[in-house]
Amino acid sequence: MKNVAATINDVSSAVVAVIKSLIVAFVFANILYSTGIDPISGIVSLVDTFLNGGLLGLLALLVFASFIK
């Protein structure tokens, strides 16, 4: 059972690392070239959702932050 949990943890951390890398790549590509994707406004919209959500937004932000090591 430990082996299965470790494997799932490794796979999920690899997927998160790939997603983070893609976000960084899109941000830099958007700075250098005019792309059709605007990740900066997406990040601003996500933060704005947390800030305007009141107590539920704060709780969602805490849950989201707990996933980050």
PDB file of N, CA and C in Angstrom:
ATOM      1  N   MET A   1       0.819  -1.193   0.000  1.00  0.00           N
ATOM      2  CA  MET A   1       0.000   0.000   0.000  1.00  0.00           C
ATOM      3  C   MET A   1       0.863   1.257   0.000  1.00  0.00           C
ATOM      4  N   LYS A   2       2.001   1.191   0.697  1.00  0.00           N
ATOM      5  CA  LYS A   2       2.900   2.347   0.697  1.00  0.00           C
ATOM      6  C   LYS A   2       3.440   2.616  -0.697  1.00  0.00           C
ATOM      7  N   ASN A   3       3.692   1.536  -1.431  1.00  0.00           N
ATOM      8  CA  ASN A   3       4.249   1.687  -2.767  1.00  0.00           C
ATOM      9  C   ASN A   3       3.249   2.376  -3.698  1.00  0.00           C
ATOM     10  N   VAL A   4       1.971   2.033  -3.584  1.00  0.00           N
ATOM     11  CA  VAL A   4       0.946   2.651  -4.418  1.00  0.00           C
ATOM     12  C   VAL A   4       0.813   4.132  -4.078  1.00  0.00           C
ATOM     13  N   ALA A   5       0.805   4.461  -2.787  1.00  0.00           N
ATOM     14  CA  ALA A   5       0.704   5.859  -2.370  1.00  0.00           C
ATOM     15  C   ALA A   5       1.911   6.660  -2.840  1.00  0.00           C
ATOM     16  N   ALA A   6       3.080   6.070  -2.757  1.00  0.00           N
ATOM     17  CA  ALA A   6       4.290   6.755  -3.209  1.00  0.00           C
ATOM     18  C   ALA A   6       4.261   6.987  -4.717  1.00  0.00           C
ATOM     19  N   THR A   7       3.766   6.008  -5.447  1.00  0.00           N
ATOM     20  CA  THR A   7       3.667   6.143  -6.901  1.00  0.00           C
ATOM     21  C   THR A   7       2.673   7.238  -7.283  1.00  0.00           C
ATOM     22  N   ILE A   8       1.521   7.260  -6.616  1.00  0.00           N
ATOM     23  CA  ILE A   8       0.532   8.296  -6.890  1.00  0.00           C
ATOM     24  C   ILE A   8       1.088   9.670  -6.544  1.00  0.00           C
ATOM     25  N   ASN A   9       1.807   9.765  -5.444  1.00  0.00           N
ATOM     26  CA  ASN A   9       2.415  11.038  -5.047  1.00  0.00           C
ATOM     27  C   ASN A   9       3.450  11.494  -6.070  1.00  0.00           C
ATOM     28  N   ASP A  10       4.257  10.576  -6.561  1.00  0.00           N
ATOM     29  CA  ASP A  10       5.269  10.923  -7.560  1.00  0.00           C
ATOM     30  C   ASP A  10       4.642  11.385  -8.870  1.00  0.00           C
ATOM     31  N   VAL A  11       3.597  10.691  -9.297  1.00  0.00           N
ATOM     32  CA  VAL A  11       2.940  11.053 -10.551  1.00  0.00           C
ATOM     33  C   VAL A  11       2.259  12.411 -10.435  1.00  0.00           C
ATOM     34  N   SER A  12       1.572  12.631  -9.318  1.00  0.00           N
ATOM     35  CA  SER A  12       0.888  13.920  -9.154  1.00  0.00           C
ATOM     36  C   SER A  12       1.877  15.068  -9.050  1.00  0.00           C
ATOM     37  N   SER A  13       2.996  14.869  -8.381  1.00  0.00           N
ATOM     38  CA  SER A  13       3.990  15.939  -8.298  1.00  0.00           C
ATOM     39  C   SER A  13       4.626  16.207  -9.659  1.00  0.00           C
ATOM     40  N   ALA A  14       4.786  15.175 -10.484  1.00  0.00           N
ATOM     41  CA  ALA A  14       5.324  15.369 -11.824  1.00  0.00           C
ATOM     42  C   ALA A  14       4.341  16.148 -12.698  1.00  0.00           C
ATOM     43  N   VAL A  15       3.054  15.842 -12.573  1.00  0.00           N
ATOM     44  CA  VAL A  15       2.037  16.557 -13.354  1.00  0.00           C
ATOM     45  C   VAL A  15       1.994  18.025 -12.942  1.00  0.00           C
ATOM     46  N   VAL A  16       2.062  18.292 -11.644  1.00  0.00           N
ATOM     47  CA  VAL A  16       2.056  19.673 -11.158  1.00  0.00           C
ATOM     48  C   VAL A  16       3.295  20.411 -11.649  1.00  0.00           C
ATOM     49  N   ALA A  17       4.433  19.748 -11.670  1.00  0.00           N
ATOM     50  CA  ALA A  17       5.663  20.384 -12.153  1.00  0.00           C
ATOM     51  C   ALA A  17       5.562  20.733 -13.635  1.00  0.00           C
ATOM     52  N   VAL A  18       4.942  19.860 -14.411  1.00  0.00           N
ATOM     53  CA  VAL A  18       4.770  20.137 -15.840  1.00  0.00           C
ATOM     54  C   VAL A  18       3.822  21.317 -16.038  1.00  0.00           C
ATOM     55  N   ILE A  19       2.742  21.357 -15.271  1.00  0.00           N
ATOM     56  CA  ILE A  19       1.789  22.468 -15.383  1.00  0.00           C
ATOM     57  C   ILE A  19       2.451  23.784 -15.003  1.00  0.00           C
ATOM     58  N   LYS A  20       3.243  23.783 -13.929  1.00  0.00           N
ATOM     59  CA  LYS A  20       3.955  25.002 -13.533  1.00  0.00           C
ATOM     60  C   LYS A  20       4.917  25.446 -14.629  1.00  0.00           C
ATOM     61  N   SER A  21       5.607  24.507 -15.244  1.00  0.00           N
ATOM     62  CA  SER A  21       6.546  24.846 -16.313  1.00  0.00           C
ATOM     63  C   SER A  21       5.827  25.434 -17.514  1.00  0.00           C
ATOM     64  N   LEU A  22       4.660  24.882 -17.846  1.00  0.00           N
ATOM     65  CA  LEU A  22       3.891  25.416 -18.965  1.00  0.00           C
ATOM     66  C   LEU A  22       3.389  26.826 -18.680  1.00  0.00           C
ATOM     67  N   ILE A  23       2.976  27.081 -17.455  1.00  0.00           N
ATOM     68  CA  ILE A  23       2.524  28.422 -17.098  1.00  0.00           C
ATOM     69  C   ILE A  23       3.664  29.424 -17.243  1.00  0.00           C
ATOM     70  N   VAL A  24       4.834  29.073 -16.753  1.00  0.00           N
ATOM     71  CA  VAL A  24       5.992  29.960 -16.865  1.00  0.00           C
ATOM     72  C   VAL A  24       6.359  30.172 -18.328  1.00  0.00           C
ATOM     73  N   ALA A  25       6.305  29.112 -19.122  1.00  0.00           N
ATOM     74  CA  ALA A  25       6.628  29.228 -20.543  1.00  0.00           C
ATOM     75  C   ALA A  25       5.633  30.136 -21.255  1.00  0.00           C
ATOM     76  N   PHE A  26       4.334  29.996 -20.939  1.00  0.00           N
ATOM     77  CA  PHE A  26       3.329  30.857 -21.560  1.00  0.00           C
ATOM     78  C   PHE A  26       3.501  32.312 -21.151  1.00  0.00           C
ATOM     79  N   VAL A  27       3.858  32.553 -19.910  1.00  0.00           N
ATOM     80  CA  VAL A  27       4.064  33.935 -19.464  1.00  0.00           C
ATOM     81  C   VAL A  27       5.229  34.562 -20.222  1.00  0.00           C
ATOM     82  N   PHE A  28       6.345  33.843 -20.323  1.00  0.00           N
ATOM     83  CA  PHE A  28       7.495  34.388 -21.040  1.00  0.00           C
ATOM     84  C   PHE A  28       7.213  34.524 -22.536  1.00  0.00           C
ATOM     85  N   ALA A  29       6.484  33.564 -23.112  1.00  0.00           N
ATOM     86  CA  ALA A  29       6.133  33.670 -24.532  1.00  0.00           C
ATOM     87  C   ALA A  29       5.221  34.859 -24.770  1.00  0.00           C
ATOM     88  N   ASN A  30       4.331  35.124 -23.828  1.00  0.00           N
ATOM     89  CA  ASN A  30       3.437  36.264 -23.972  1.00  0.00           C
ATOM     90  C   ASN A  30       4.196  37.577 -23.826  1.00  0.00           C
ATOM     91  N   ILE A  31       5.242  37.594 -23.033  1.00  0.00           N
ATOM     92  CA  ILE A  31       6.055  38.805 -22.888  1.00  0.00           C
ATOM     93  C   ILE A  31       6.865  39.054 -24.168  1.00  0.00           C
ATOM     94  N   LEU A  32       7.438  37.996 -24.736  1.00  0.00           N
ATOM     95  CA  LEU A  32       8.288  38.155 -25.906  1.00  0.00           C
ATOM     96  C   LEU A  32       7.502  38.319 -27.196  1.00  0.00           C
ATOM     97  N   TYR A  33       6.437  37.540 -27.356  1.00  0.00           N
ATOM     98  CA  TYR A  33       5.670  37.540 -28.602  1.00  0.00           C
ATOM     99  C   TYR A  33       4.203  37.792 -28.281  1.00  0.00           C
ATOM    100  N   SER A  34       3.480  38.242 -29.280  1.00  0.00           N
ATOM    101  CA  SER A  34       2.047  38.445 -29.116  1.00  0.00           C
ATOM    102  C   SER A  34       1.338  37.130 -29.374  1.00  0.00           C
ATOM    103  N   THR A  35       0.979  36.424 -28.314  1.00  0.00           N
ATOM    104  CA  THR A  35       0.269  35.148 -28.447  1.00  0.00           C
ATOM    105  C   THR A  35      -1.213  35.366 -28.201  1.00  0.00           C
ATOM    106  N   GLY A  36      -2.015  34.399 -28.568  1.00  0.00           N
ATOM    107  CA  GLY A  36      -3.448  34.489 -28.353  1.00  0.00           C
ATOM    108  C   GLY A  36      -3.856  34.142 -26.939  1.00  0.00           C
ATOM    109  N   ILE A  37      -2.928  33.604 -26.161  1.00  0.00           N
ATOM    110  CA  ILE A  37      -3.211  33.185 -24.789  1.00  0.00           C
ATOM    111  C   ILE A  37      -2.643  34.237 -23.841  1.00  0.00           C
ATOM    112  N   ASP A  38      -3.441  34.642 -22.858  1.00  0.00           N
ATOM    113  CA  ASP A  38      -2.992  35.637 -21.885  1.00  0.00           C
ATOM    114  C   ASP A  38      -3.020  35.033 -20.491  1.00  0.00           C
ATOM    115  N   PRO A  39      -1.946  34.348 -20.072  1.00  0.00           N
ATOM    116  CA  PRO A  39      -1.957  33.695 -18.761  1.00  0.00           C
ATOM    117  C   PRO A  39      -1.905  34.676 -17.601  1.00  0.00           C
ATOM    118  N   ILE A  40      -1.391  35.875 -17.830  1.00  0.00           N
ATOM    119  CA  ILE A  40      -1.285  36.846 -16.743  1.00  0.00           C
ATOM    120  C   ILE A  40      -2.670  37.292 -16.293  1.00  0.00           C
ATOM    121  N   SER A  41      -3.557  37.542 -17.244  1.00  0.00           N
ATOM    122  CA  SER A  41      -4.913  37.935 -16.853  1.00  0.00           C
ATOM    123  C   SER A  41      -5.653  36.777 -16.195  1.00  0.00           C
ATOM    124  N   GLY A  42      -5.328  35.550 -16.567  1.00  0.00           N
ATOM    125  CA  GLY A  42      -5.921  34.387 -15.905  1.00  0.00           C
ATOM    126  C   GLY A  42      -5.497  34.280 -14.456  1.00  0.00           C
ATOM    127  N   ILE A  43      -4.227  34.553 -14.195  1.00  0.00           N
ATOM    128  CA  ILE A  43      -3.722  34.518 -12.820  1.00  0.00           C
ATOM    129  C   ILE A  43      -4.343  35.649 -12.010  1.00  0.00           C
ATOM    130  N   VAL A  44      -4.449  36.833 -12.613  1.00  0.00           N
ATOM    131  CA  VAL A  44      -5.071  37.966 -11.932  1.00  0.00           C
ATOM    132  C   VAL A  44      -6.534  37.664 -11.626  1.00  0.00           C
ATOM    133  N   SER A  45      -7.225  37.030 -12.552  1.00  0.00           N
ATOM    134  CA  SER A  45      -8.628  36.666 -12.349  1.00  0.00           C
ATOM    135  C   SER A  45      -8.774  35.652 -11.223  1.00  0.00           C
ATOM    136  N   LEU A  46      -7.856  34.692 -11.140  1.00  0.00           N
ATOM    137  CA  LEU A  46      -7.894  33.693 -10.066  1.00  0.00           C
ATOM    138  C   LEU A  46      -7.694  34.341  -8.708  1.00  0.00           C
ATOM    139  N   VAL A  47      -6.724  35.239  -8.593  1.00  0.00           N
ATOM    140  CA  VAL A  47      -6.475  35.934  -7.332  1.00  0.00           C
ATOM    141  C   VAL A  47      -7.658  36.832  -6.980  1.00  0.00           C
ATOM    142  N   ASP A  48      -8.229  37.485  -7.985  1.00  0.00           N
ATOM    143  CA  ASP A  48      -9.389  38.343  -7.752  1.00  0.00           C
ATOM    144  C   ASP A  48     -10.585  37.532  -7.252  1.00  0.00           C
ATOM    145  N   THR A  49     -10.735  36.309  -7.755  1.00  0.00           N
ATOM    146  CA  THR A  49     -11.810  35.447  -7.290  1.00  0.00           C
ATOM    147  C   THR A  49     -11.643  35.115  -5.818  1.00  0.00           C
ATOM    148  N   PHE A  50     -10.415  34.831  -5.405  1.00  0.00           N
ATOM    149  CA  PHE A  50     -10.160  34.549  -3.990  1.00  0.00           C
ATOM    150  C   PHE A  50     -10.426  35.776  -3.124  1.00  0.00           C
ATOM    151  N   LEU A  51     -10.021  36.945  -3.607  1.00  0.00           N
ATOM    152  CA  LEU A  51     -10.167  38.156  -2.804  1.00  0.00           C
ATOM    153  C   LEU A  51     -11.616  38.608  -2.684  1.00  0.00           C
ATOM    154  N   ASN A  52     -12.403  38.404  -3.722  1.00  0.00           N
ATOM    155  CA  ASN A  52     -13.796  38.833  -3.707  1.00  0.00           C
ATOM    156  C   ASN A  52     -14.737  37.766  -3.164  1.00  0.00           C
ATOM    157  N   GLY A  53     -14.208  36.613  -2.786  1.00  0.00           N
ATOM    158  CA  GLY A  53     -15.049  35.516  -2.333  1.00  0.00           C
ATOM    159  C   GLY A  53     -15.427  35.568  -0.876  1.00  0.00           C
ATOM    160  N   GLY A  54     -14.937  36.523  -0.135  1.00  0.00           N
ATOM    161  CA  GLY A  54     -15.249  36.610   1.292  1.00  0.00           C
ATOM    162  C   GLY A  54     -14.636  35.448   2.062  1.00  0.00           C
ATOM    163  N   LEU A  55     -15.387  34.911   3.000  1.00  0.00           N
ATOM    164  CA  LEU A  55     -14.885  33.816   3.838  1.00  0.00           C
ATOM    165  C   LEU A  55     -14.646  32.558   3.018  1.00  0.00           C
ATOM    166  N   LEU A  56     -15.539  32.269   2.077  1.00  0.00           N
ATOM    167  CA  LEU A  56     -15.345  31.087   1.239  1.00  0.00           C
ATOM    168  C   LEU A  56     -14.109  31.231   0.349  1.00  0.00           C
ATOM    169  N   GLY A  57     -13.841  32.424  -0.121  1.00  0.00           N
ATOM    170  CA  GLY A  57     -12.639  32.657  -0.904  1.00  0.00           C
ATOM    171  C   GLY A  57     -11.384  32.464  -0.072  1.00  0.00           C
ATOM    172  N   LEU A  58     -11.451  32.910   1.183  1.00  0.00           N
ATOM    173  CA  LEU A  58     -10.314  32.714   2.076  1.00  0.00           C
ATOM    174  C   LEU A  58     -10.087  31.239   2.359  1.00  0.00           C
ATOM    175  N   LEU A  59     -11.155  30.505   2.601  1.00  0.00           N
ATOM    176  CA  LEU A  59     -11.024  29.065   2.849  1.00  0.00           C
ATOM    177  C   LEU A  59     -10.492  28.335   1.615  1.00  0.00           C
ATOM    178  N   ALA A  60     -10.984  28.721   0.428  1.00  0.00           N
ATOM    179  CA  ALA A  60     -10.486  28.103  -0.802  1.00  0.00           C
ATOM    180  C   ALA A  60      -9.014  28.420  -1.012  1.00  0.00           C
ATOM    181  N   LEU A  61      -8.604  29.641  -0.682  1.00  0.00           N
ATOM    182  CA  LEU A  61      -7.197  30.011  -0.799  1.00  0.00           C
ATOM    183  C   LEU A  61      -6.337  29.216   0.170  1.00  0.00           C
ATOM    184  N   LEU A  62      -6.822  28.992   1.385  1.00  0.00           N
ATOM    185  CA  LEU A  62      -6.083  28.194   2.362  1.00  0.00           C
ATOM    186  C   LEU A  62      -5.934  26.749   1.902  1.00  0.00           C
ATOM    187  N   VAL A  63      -7.003  26.184   1.333  1.00  0.00           N
ATOM    188  CA  VAL A  63      -6.922  24.812   0.811  1.00  0.00           C
ATOM    189  C   VAL A  63      -5.952  24.756  -0.352  1.00  0.00           C
ATOM    190  N   PHE A  64      -6.032  25.750  -1.238  1.00  0.00           N
ATOM    191  CA  PHE A  64      -5.133  25.802  -2.391  1.00  0.00           C
ATOM    192  C   PHE A  64      -3.678  25.948  -1.935  1.00  0.00           C
ATOM    193  N   ALA A  65      -3.439  26.786  -0.924  1.00  0.00           N
ATOM    194  CA  ALA A  65      -2.078  27.004  -0.429  1.00  0.00           C
ATOM    195  C   ALA A  65      -1.552  25.780   0.323  1.00  0.00           C
ATOM    196  N   SER A  66      -2.440  24.964   0.877  1.00  0.00           N
ATOM    197  CA  SER A  66      -1.971  23.797   1.611  1.00  0.00           C
ATOM    198  C   SER A  66      -1.371  22.752   0.680  1.00  0.00           C
ATOM    199  N   PHE A  67      -1.726  22.797  -0.615  1.00  0.00           N
ATOM    200  CA  PHE A  67      -1.159  21.847  -1.568  1.00  0.00           C
ATOM    201  C   PHE A  67       0.270  22.212  -1.958  1.00  0.00           C
ATOM    202  N   ILE A  68       0.651  23.445  -1.731  1.00  0.00           N
ATOM    203  CA  ILE A  68       1.989  23.900  -2.097  1.00  0.00           C
ATOM    204  C   ILE A  68       2.943  23.579  -0.950  1.00  0.00           C
ATOM    205  N   LYS A  69       4.049  22.969  -1.298  1.00  0.00           N
ATOM    206  CA  LYS A  69       5.021  22.594  -0.260  1.00  0.00           C
ATOM    207  C   LYS A  69       6.004  23.705  -0.038  1.00  0.00           C
TER     208      LYS A  69
END
